[in-house]
Amino acid sequence: MEFRVNEKEKEKIDRAISKSGLKQSEYLRQRALGYEPKAAMPDAFFTCCEQLDRVTRQPFSKEVNDAALAMLQKMNKVLTEGGD
């Protein structure tokens, strides 16, 4: 199956494919079938989560733990929804 896109469309599609972590054919198949592939989380996200988890397990104040949890939730929202 072939189709044409202009350069801007190709760049946009390539960025979306890259964010999804899927192979090009799988990404395009899912889109053609009406699915919206989710962005794959980068390894750095999981490293940060593990480090924050270790920090919040130590005997810190509730405020520090709440701030760390809020930061994790914000990171998750930015990475999954593109919001800030």
Protein backbone atom coordinates (compact mmCIF):
# COMPACT_ATOMS: atom_id res chain seq x y z
CA MET A 1 0.00 0.00 0.00
CA GLU A 2 1.37 3.39 -0.89
CA PHE A 3 0.20 6.95 -0.35
CA ARG A 4 1.61 10.42 -0.84
CA VAL A 5 2.28 13.09 1.74
CA ASN A 6 4.07 16.41 1.56
CA GLU A 7 7.31 17.06 3.47
CA LYS A 8 5.60 18.68 6.48
CA GLU A 9 3.14 15.79 6.76
CA LYS A 10 5.98 13.28 6.54
CA GLU A 11 7.90 15.04 9.31
CA LYS A 12 4.80 15.09 11.52
CA ILE A 13 4.11 11.40 10.88
CA ASP A 14 7.75 10.50 11.53
CA ARG A 15 7.72 12.38 14.86
CA ALA A 16 4.54 10.58 15.92
CA ILE A 17 6.02 7.21 14.94
CA SER A 18 9.18 7.98 16.87
CA LYS A 19 7.22 8.95 20.00
CA SER A 20 5.12 5.79 19.82
CA GLY A 21 8.09 3.43 19.84
CA LEU A 22 6.36 1.34 17.16
CA LYS A 23 7.69 0.31 13.79
CA GLN A 24 6.40 2.46 10.95
CA SER A 25 4.18 -0.28 9.49
CA GLU A 26 2.59 -1.06 12.88
CA TYR A 27 1.99 2.61 13.65
CA LEU A 28 0.34 3.22 10.26
CA ARG A 29 -1.71 0.02 10.56
CA GLN A 30 -3.05 1.09 13.95
CA ARG A 31 -3.90 4.59 12.71
CA ALA A 32 -5.64 3.20 9.62
CA LEU A 33 -7.75 0.96 11.86
CA GLY A 34 -8.79 3.89 14.02
CA TYR A 35 -6.44 3.38 16.98
CA GLU A 36 -4.38 6.17 18.54
CA PRO A 37 -1.03 4.68 19.63
CA LYS A 38 0.19 6.07 22.94
CA ALA A 39 3.61 7.66 23.22
CA ALA A 40 6.23 5.33 24.64
CA MET A 41 7.84 6.55 27.83
CA PRO A 42 11.55 7.26 27.49
CA ASP A 43 13.93 5.29 29.71
CA ALA A 44 14.86 8.52 31.52
CA PHE A 45 11.29 8.77 32.82
CA PHE A 46 11.54 5.38 34.53
CA THR A 47 14.97 6.21 35.94
CA CYS A 48 13.56 9.42 37.46
CA CYS A 49 10.58 7.53 38.85
CA GLU A 50 12.82 4.96 40.50
CA GLN A 51 14.99 7.66 42.05
CA LEU A 52 11.99 9.63 43.31
CA ASP A 53 10.49 6.45 44.69
CA ARG A 54 13.67 5.77 46.67
CA VAL A 55 13.70 9.34 47.98
CA THR A 56 10.08 9.29 49.08
CA ARG A 57 10.54 6.04 50.98
CA GLN A 58 13.04 7.73 53.26
CA PRO A 59 11.72 9.46 56.39
CA PHE A 60 11.04 12.87 54.84
CA SER A 61 8.25 15.22 55.71
CA LYS A 62 4.79 14.80 54.23
CA GLU A 63 5.36 18.02 52.26
CA VAL A 64 8.49 16.62 50.56
CA ASN A 65 6.70 13.37 49.73
CA ASP A 66 3.66 15.27 48.40
CA ALA A 67 5.89 17.50 46.25
CA ALA A 68 7.70 14.46 44.83
CA LEU A 69 4.39 12.76 44.04
CA ALA A 70 3.07 15.92 42.36
CA MET A 71 6.21 16.10 40.23
CA LEU A 72 5.79 12.47 39.14
CA GLN A 73 2.16 13.10 38.23
CA LYS A 74 3.11 16.19 36.22
CA MET A 75 5.88 14.30 34.40
CA ASN A 76 3.41 11.56 33.55
CA LYS A 77 0.87 14.07 32.22
CA VAL A 78 3.47 15.86 30.07
CA LEU A 79 4.78 12.60 28.63
CA THR A 80 1.40 10.97 28.00
CA GLU A 81 -0.77 13.94 27.06
CA GLY A 82 1.76 16.49 25.88
CA GLY A 83 0.43 18.97 28.44
CA ASP A 84 2.49 20.98 30.89
